[in-house]
Amino acid sequence: METPIKWGILGLGKIAHKFASDLKTVQGASLHAVASRTQQKANEFSKKFKIQNAYGSYEALAKDPEVDVIYIATPHVFHASNSMLCMQHGKAVLCEKPIGINAQQLKQMIQSSTTHKAFLMEGLWTNFMPHLKNLQELIKLETYGKCLTIEADFSFKANVDPEKRLFNKKLAGGALLDIGIYPVYLALKLLGKPNQIHATAEFSSTGVDLSNQIQFHYQSGAIANLSSSFDKNSPSTAKIVFEKATVELGSRFHETDQLTITTDSEKNKIDFHYPTHGYQFEIEHVQDCLAKNLLESPEWPLKSSLELIGTLDKIRNEIGLKYKEDKA
């Protein structure tokens, strides 16, 4: 029997609970340790998931000699420093999206990965889900011809709380980095880097973007209309129009288990039922990378993360959103 890969989770908020739940379904994975800024929170989490080790500091987790890989689940603004702390202690890192606040931070993280020979990947779980794999295959094989347009939106009504992550500028809050990253990712994944970017935004009283509208223009003539908002509830769907078909991704398109393909002659609905939150797909991929002694993912390489965060930097520049981590 192979030795299980021992995971740690750093930061124990809402997303960490979902991740821990899914990790328990992955063969060859063991949740060995968790860390919070308070011992009490770490103890409560470890009790819920029956975890052997609970730490009241992030450094204690990074120093645990038993841990192979650490999932970073803290707010965006801490991703770079938390990831580099873990890599400095030789730990592989899966860092929740966005992997950094800007491209400059990610370049520092990549340097740390190289220096310490530590695996690093952005936790963009959508990239590993069945519906996205299927969609990528349609694009690659040009099953329905070339992609003409993409429409993707991710919106929900959020309570304005200046202290909480979504609206707190000190925590790099705002719709773009939190949920707008998914429509932007989809366009980049399917059509690549655009020739032109146009973007507008509405701002909250706390100085972060409440909503945004983005348009990508491509040399081929293709257009991507992308949006995200904390100011309205929407189905959060995506529609991709090909020359010979239209593909619709179900509600909450970034994690949907449904694709609907409509051609002139038929309508075909594909269901990818899975009984989890969907994090197991990226967990399995990370474990495969570690088994092969890779320092980055071949399916979501660091150059792709750089392209994504670089595009988000351009959009933020266009709408006039700056954080303290951005150099003038």
Protein backbone atom coordinates (compact mmCIF):
# COMPACT_ATOMS: atom_id res chain seq x y z
CA MET A 1 0.00 0.00 0.00
CA GLU A 2 1.35 3.41 -1.00
CA THR A 3 2.08 6.01 1.66
CA PRO A 4 -0.68 8.64 1.67
CA ILE A 5 0.13 12.24 0.81
CA LYS A 6 -0.21 14.27 3.99
CA TRP A 7 -2.06 17.57 3.59
CA GLY A 8 -2.19 20.65 5.76
CA ILE A 9 -4.73 23.49 5.53
CA LEU A 10 -3.65 27.02 6.39
CA GLY A 11 -6.56 29.36 7.15
CA LEU A 12 -9.80 27.80 8.34
CA GLY A 13 -12.67 29.83 6.88
CA LYS A 14 -15.69 28.70 4.91
CA ILE A 15 -13.77 27.42 1.87
CA ALA A 16 -11.42 25.35 4.06
CA HIS A 17 -14.41 23.38 5.38
CA LYS A 18 -15.51 22.47 1.84
CA PHE A 19 -11.95 21.57 0.85
CA ALA A 20 -11.46 19.35 3.92
CA SER A 21 -14.75 17.59 3.24
CA ASP A 22 -13.75 16.80 -0.37
CA LEU A 23 -10.18 15.83 0.51
CA LYS A 24 -11.54 12.97 2.61
CA THR A 25 -13.00 11.46 -0.58
CA VAL A 26 -9.65 11.39 -2.42
CA GLN A 27 -7.72 8.13 -2.49
CA GLY A 28 -4.17 8.44 -1.16
CA ALA A 29 -4.88 11.73 0.62
CA SER A 30 -4.62 12.29 4.36
CA LEU A 31 -5.55 15.53 6.14
CA HIS A 32 -2.74 15.56 8.67
CA ALA A 33 -2.77 19.08 10.13
CA VAL A 34 -4.54 22.45 10.11
CA ALA A 35 -3.55 25.92 11.27
CA SER A 36 -5.40 29.05 12.28
CA ARG A 37 -4.35 32.32 13.87
CA THR A 38 -6.03 31.07 17.05
CA GLN A 39 -5.59 27.71 18.73
CA GLN A 40 -9.28 27.54 19.56
CA LYS A 41 -10.36 27.77 15.92
CA ALA A 42 -7.76 25.16 14.93
CA ASN A 43 -9.00 22.83 17.68
CA GLU A 44 -12.64 23.22 16.63
CA PHE A 45 -11.81 22.50 12.98
CA SER A 46 -9.65 19.47 13.82
CA LYS A 47 -12.38 18.07 16.05
CA LYS A 48 -15.00 18.42 13.30
CA PHE A 49 -12.84 16.62 10.71
CA LYS A 50 -11.01 14.28 13.13
CA ILE A 51 -7.55 15.68 12.32
CA GLN A 52 -4.53 14.68 14.35
CA ASN A 53 -2.71 18.03 14.52
CA ALA A 54 -4.10 21.51 15.13
CA TYR A 55 -1.81 24.54 15.24
CA GLY A 56 -2.44 28.05 16.52
CA SER A 57 0.14 29.54 14.17
CA TYR A 58 0.85 29.24 10.45
CA GLU A 59 4.58 28.82 11.05
CA ALA A 60 3.99 25.73 13.20
CA LEU A 61 2.15 24.09 10.29
CA ALA A 62 4.87 25.08 7.82
CA LYS A 63 7.47 23.49 10.12
CA ASP A 64 5.61 20.20 10.63
CA PRO A 65 8.02 17.62 9.14
CA GLU A 66 5.17 15.20 8.37
CA VAL A 67 3.25 17.54 6.06
CA ASP A 68 3.83 17.16 2.29
CA VAL A 69 1.56 19.83 0.83
CA ILE A 70 -0.36 22.80 2.21
CA TYR A 71 -3.58 24.33 0.93
CA ILE A 72 -3.64 28.11 1.49
CA ALA A 73 -7.18 29.28 2.29
CA THR A 74 -6.58 32.73 3.76
CA PRO A 75 -7.85 36.04 2.27
CA HIS A 76 -6.22 37.12 -1.03
CA VAL A 77 -3.93 39.67 0.57
CA PHE A 78 -2.08 37.00 2.57
CA HIS A 79 -1.68 34.44 -0.23
CA ALA A 80 1.83 35.44 -1.28
CA SER A 81 3.37 35.64 2.21
CA ASN A 82 1.62 32.48 3.44
CA SER A 83 2.68 30.52 0.35
CA MET A 84 6.29 31.66 0.58
CA LEU A 85 6.42 30.78 4.29
CA CYS A 86 5.39 27.22 3.42
CA MET A 87 7.73 26.90 0.44
CA GLN A 88 10.65 28.17 2.56
CA HIS A 89 10.08 25.12 4.74
CA GLY A 90 10.05 22.80 1.72
CA LYS A 91 6.30 22.34 1.50
CA ALA A 92 4.38 21.98 -1.75
CA VAL A 93 1.69 24.65 -2.03
CA LEU A 94 -1.81 24.76 -3.50
CA CYS A 95 -2.86 28.39 -3.08
CA GLU A 96 -6.50 29.43 -3.47
CA LYS A 97 -7.24 31.88 -6.28
CA PRO A 98 -6.19 34.57 -6.95
CA ILE A 99 -2.72 33.25 -6.23
CA GLY A 100 -1.50 36.80 -5.56
CA ILE A 101 -2.77 40.37 -5.61
CA ASN A 102 -0.79 41.23 -8.73
CA ALA A 103 1.75 39.83 -11.18
CA GLN A 104 4.66 41.24 -9.14
CA GLN A 105 3.66 39.13 -6.13
CA LEU A 106 3.29 36.00 -8.25
CA LYS A 107 6.76 36.48 -9.74
CA GLN A 108 8.17 36.54 -6.18
CA MET A 109 6.25 33.36 -5.38
CA ILE A 110 7.59 31.64 -8.50
CA GLN A 111 11.12 32.65 -7.50
CA SER A 112 10.52 31.11 -4.06
CA SER A 113 9.26 27.91 -5.68
CA THR A 114 12.39 27.72 -7.83
CA THR A 115 14.77 28.52 -4.96
CA HIS A 116 13.26 26.01 -2.54
CA LYS A 117 12.35 23.42 -5.21
CA ALA A 118 8.78 23.43 -3.93
CA PHE A 119 5.67 22.68 -5.99
CA LEU A 120 3.37 25.68 -6.48
CA MET A 121 -0.07 25.83 -8.10
CA GLU A 122 -2.97 28.26 -8.05
CA GLY A 123 -6.12 26.63 -6.70
CA LEU A 124 -8.33 27.47 -9.65
CA TRP A 125 -10.55 24.43 -9.17
CA THR A 126 -12.74 25.16 -12.23
CA ASN A 127 -9.83 24.25 -14.50
CA PHE A 128 -9.99 20.61 -13.33
CA MET A 129 -13.74 20.06 -13.34
CA PRO A 130 -15.41 17.71 -15.84
CA HIS A 131 -17.53 20.38 -17.55
CA LEU A 132 -14.47 22.52 -18.23
CA LYS A 133 -12.44 19.56 -19.52
CA ASN A 134 -15.28 18.77 -21.92
CA LEU A 135 -15.45 22.37 -23.08
CA GLN A 136 -11.68 22.50 -23.63
CA GLU A 137 -11.93 19.41 -25.80
CA LEU A 138 -14.64 21.04 -27.97
CA ILE A 139 -12.37 24.05 -28.46
CA LYS A 140 -9.25 22.00 -29.15
CA LEU A 141 -10.91 19.71 -31.71
CA GLU A 142 -13.07 22.51 -33.16
CA THR A 143 -15.98 20.08 -32.87
CA TYR A 144 -18.45 22.88 -33.63
CA GLY A 145 -16.09 25.18 -35.48
CA LYS A 146 -14.41 28.24 -34.03
CA CYS A 147 -15.54 30.11 -30.93
CA LEU A 148 -17.29 33.39 -31.86
CA THR A 149 -18.51 34.86 -28.57
CA ILE A 150 -18.41 34.22 -24.85
CA GLU A 151 -20.85 35.65 -22.34
CA ALA A 152 -20.08 34.94 -18.71
CA ASP A 153 -21.41 36.51 -15.52
CA PHE A 154 -20.91 35.78 -11.83
CA SER A 155 -23.02 37.87 -9.47
CA PHE A 156 -24.70 37.71 -6.08
CA LYS A 157 -26.12 40.23 -3.63
CA ALA A 158 -23.68 40.68 -0.76
CA ASN A 159 -24.17 42.53 2.51
CA VAL A 160 -21.91 45.57 2.64
CA ASP A 161 -19.61 45.15 5.62
CA PRO A 162 -16.43 47.30 5.51
CA GLU A 163 -14.65 44.90 7.88
CA LYS A 164 -15.39 41.65 6.01
CA ARG A 165 -13.21 40.37 3.17
CA LEU A 166 -15.52 41.18 0.22
CA PHE A 167 -15.61 44.93 0.84
CA ASN A 168 -12.41 45.51 2.81
CA LYS A 169 -9.82 47.21 0.62
CA LYS A 170 -7.05 46.27 3.05
CA LEU A 171 -7.92 42.61 2.31
CA ALA A 172 -7.94 43.29 -1.47
CA GLY A 173 -11.73 43.09 -1.54
CA GLY A 174 -13.93 43.74 -4.56
CA ALA A 175 -15.90 41.76 -7.11
CA LEU A 176 -13.14 41.40 -9.71
CA LEU A 177 -10.58 39.44 -7.70
CA ASP A 178 -13.15 37.47 -5.77
CA ILE A 179 -15.64 36.34 -8.43
CA GLY A 180 -14.82 38.29 -11.62
CA ILE A 181 -11.72 36.13 -11.91
CA TYR A 182 -13.91 33.24 -13.15
CA PRO A 183 -15.40 34.94 -16.26
CA VAL A 184 -11.93 36.33 -17.08
CA TYR A 185 -10.38 32.87 -16.62
CA LEU A 186 -12.99 31.31 -18.93
CA ALA A 187 -12.27 33.76 -21.75
CA LEU A 188 -8.50 33.33 -21.42
CA LYS A 189 -8.80 29.54 -21.29
CA LEU A 190 -10.99 29.31 -24.39
CA LEU A 191 -9.74 32.20 -26.52
CA GLY A 192 -6.36 33.19 -25.11
CA LYS A 193 -5.08 36.72 -24.49
CA PRO A 194 -7.23 39.44 -26.07
CA ASN A 195 -5.97 42.18 -28.37
CA GLN A 196 -8.01 44.82 -26.58
CA ILE A 197 -9.60 45.11 -23.14
CA HIS A 198 -12.39 47.55 -22.27
CA ALA A 199 -13.64 47.70 -18.70
CA THR A 200 -15.87 49.82 -16.49
CA ALA A 201 -16.85 49.46 -12.84
CA GLU A 202 -19.09 50.79 -10.11
CA PHE A 203 -17.45 51.30 -6.74
CA SER A 204 -18.68 50.70 -3.21
CA SER A 205 -18.34 53.22 -0.39
CA THR A 206 -15.28 51.26 0.81
CA GLY A 207 -13.35 51.95 -2.40
CA VAL A 208 -13.49 48.50 -3.99
CA ASP A 209 -15.38 47.50 -7.13
CA LEU A 210 -18.99 46.63 -6.42
CA SER A 211 -19.49 45.45 -9.99
CA ASN A 212 -17.65 45.44 -13.30
CA GLN A 213 -18.29 44.98 -17.00
CA ILE A 214 -15.44 43.78 -19.20
CA GLN A 215 -15.13 43.22 -22.93
CA PHE A 216 -12.31 41.32 -24.63
CA HIS A 217 -11.71 41.80 -28.37
CA TYR A 218 -9.71 39.25 -30.38
CA GLN A 219 -7.84 39.36 -33.68
CA SER A 220 -10.16 36.63 -34.98
CA GLY A 221 -13.15 38.89 -34.44
CA ALA A 222 -14.30 36.94 -31.39
CA ILE A 223 -15.67 38.93 -28.44
CA ALA A 224 -16.04 38.03 -24.76
CA ASN A 225 -18.55 39.93 -22.61
CA LEU A 226 -17.73 39.35 -18.96
CA SER A 227 -19.24 40.71 -15.75
CA SER A 228 -19.36 40.26 -12.01
CA SER A 229 -21.21 41.99 -9.20
CA PHE A 230 -21.86 42.00 -5.46
CA ASP A 231 -24.94 44.15 -6.08
CA LYS A 232 -27.42 41.71 -7.69
CA ASN A 233 -28.45 38.09 -7.73
CA SER A 234 -28.08 36.42 -11.11
CA PRO A 235 -28.05 32.83 -12.44
CA SER A 236 -24.27 33.23 -12.95
CA THR A 237 -24.26 31.29 -16.21
CA ALA A 238 -22.00 31.29 -19.26
CA LYS A 239 -22.80 30.92 -22.94
CA ILE A 240 -20.25 30.08 -25.64
CA VAL A 241 -21.33 30.55 -29.24
CA PHE A 242 -19.49 28.46 -31.83
CA GLU A 243 -19.93 28.51 -35.60
CA LYS A 244 -22.11 25.38 -35.48
CA ALA A 245 -23.45 25.24 -31.92
CA THR A 246 -24.14 27.11 -28.70
CA VAL A 247 -22.86 25.70 -25.42
CA GLU A 248 -24.46 26.83 -22.17
CA LEU A 249 -22.92 26.22 -18.74
CA GLY A 250 -25.41 25.80 -15.90
CA SER A 251 -25.96 28.13 -12.96
CA ARG A 252 -22.79 29.01 -11.06
CA PHE A 253 -20.91 28.14 -14.21
CA HIS A 254 -17.54 27.93 -12.47
CA GLU A 255 -18.66 24.81 -10.58
CA THR A 256 -21.63 23.52 -12.57
CA ASP A 257 -22.06 19.84 -13.40
CA GLN A 258 -24.14 20.59 -16.51
CA LEU A 259 -23.50 21.52 -20.14
CA THR A 260 -26.21 22.08 -22.73
CA ILE A 261 -25.16 21.88 -26.38
CA THR A 262 -27.62 23.23 -28.96
CA THR A 263 -27.16 22.76 -32.72
CA ASP A 264 -29.56 23.33 -35.62
CA SER A 265 -30.74 19.75 -35.35
CA GLU A 266 -30.67 18.86 -31.64
CA LYS A 267 -30.31 19.89 -28.01
CA ASN A 268 -28.09 17.71 -25.86
CA LYS A 269 -27.73 18.05 -22.08
CA ILE A 270 -24.68 16.52 -20.44
CA ASP A 271 -24.67 15.82 -16.69
CA PHE A 272 -21.42 15.24 -14.79
CA HIS A 273 -22.95 14.27 -11.45
CA TYR A 274 -20.52 14.24 -8.53
CA PRO A 275 -21.57 14.09 -4.86
CA THR A 276 -18.99 16.61 -3.57
CA HIS A 277 -18.20 20.32 -3.72
CA GLY A 278 -15.82 19.66 -6.63
CA TYR A 279 -12.44 20.26 -5.00
CA GLN A 280 -11.39 16.63 -5.35
CA PHE A 281 -10.47 17.12 -9.01
CA GLU A 282 -7.71 19.65 -8.26
CA ILE A 283 -6.63 17.67 -5.19
CA GLU A 284 -6.18 14.52 -7.31
CA HIS A 285 -4.24 16.54 -9.88
CA VAL A 286 -1.89 18.00 -7.27
CA GLN A 287 -1.22 14.53 -5.87
CA ASP A 288 -0.43 13.28 -9.36
CA CYS A 289 2.03 16.15 -9.83
CA LEU A 290 3.73 15.39 -6.51
CA ALA A 291 3.98 11.69 -7.39
CA LYS A 292 5.85 12.76 -10.53
CA ASN A 293 8.11 15.18 -8.59
CA LEU A 294 6.88 18.16 -10.61
CA LEU A 295 7.33 21.74 -9.42
CA GLU A 296 4.28 23.01 -11.30
CA SER A 297 1.16 21.72 -12.99
CA PRO A 298 1.22 20.85 -16.70
CA GLU A 299 -2.55 21.54 -16.85
CA TRP A 300 -2.55 24.87 -15.01
CA PRO A 301 1.08 26.00 -15.21
CA LEU A 302 2.40 29.11 -13.49
CA LYS A 303 2.60 30.92 -16.85
CA SER A 304 -1.20 30.56 -17.05
CA SER A 305 -1.57 32.02 -13.56
CA LEU A 306 0.75 34.87 -14.61
CA GLU A 307 -1.37 35.50 -17.69
CA LEU A 308 -4.53 35.53 -15.58
CA ILE A 309 -3.24 37.85 -12.85
CA GLY A 310 -1.56 40.06 -15.48
CA THR A 311 -4.92 40.42 -17.24
CA LEU A 312 -6.62 41.24 -13.93
CA ASP A 313 -3.91 43.87 -13.34
CA LYS A 314 -4.77 45.46 -16.71
CA ILE A 315 -8.48 45.45 -15.90
CA ARG A 316 -7.85 47.03 -12.49
CA ASN A 317 -5.72 49.67 -14.17
CA GLU A 318 -8.54 50.34 -16.64
CA ILE A 319 -11.16 50.78 -13.90
CA GLY A 320 -8.82 52.62 -11.53
CA LEU A 321 -8.66 50.09 -8.68
CA LYS A 322 -5.40 50.05 -6.77
CA TYR A 323 -4.37 48.23 -3.60
CA LYS A 324 -1.54 49.07 -1.23
CA GLU A 325 0.39 46.11 -2.67
CA ASP A 326 0.49 47.78 -6.13
CA LYS A 327 3.66 49.73 -6.74
CA ALA A 328 3.21 53.16 -8.35
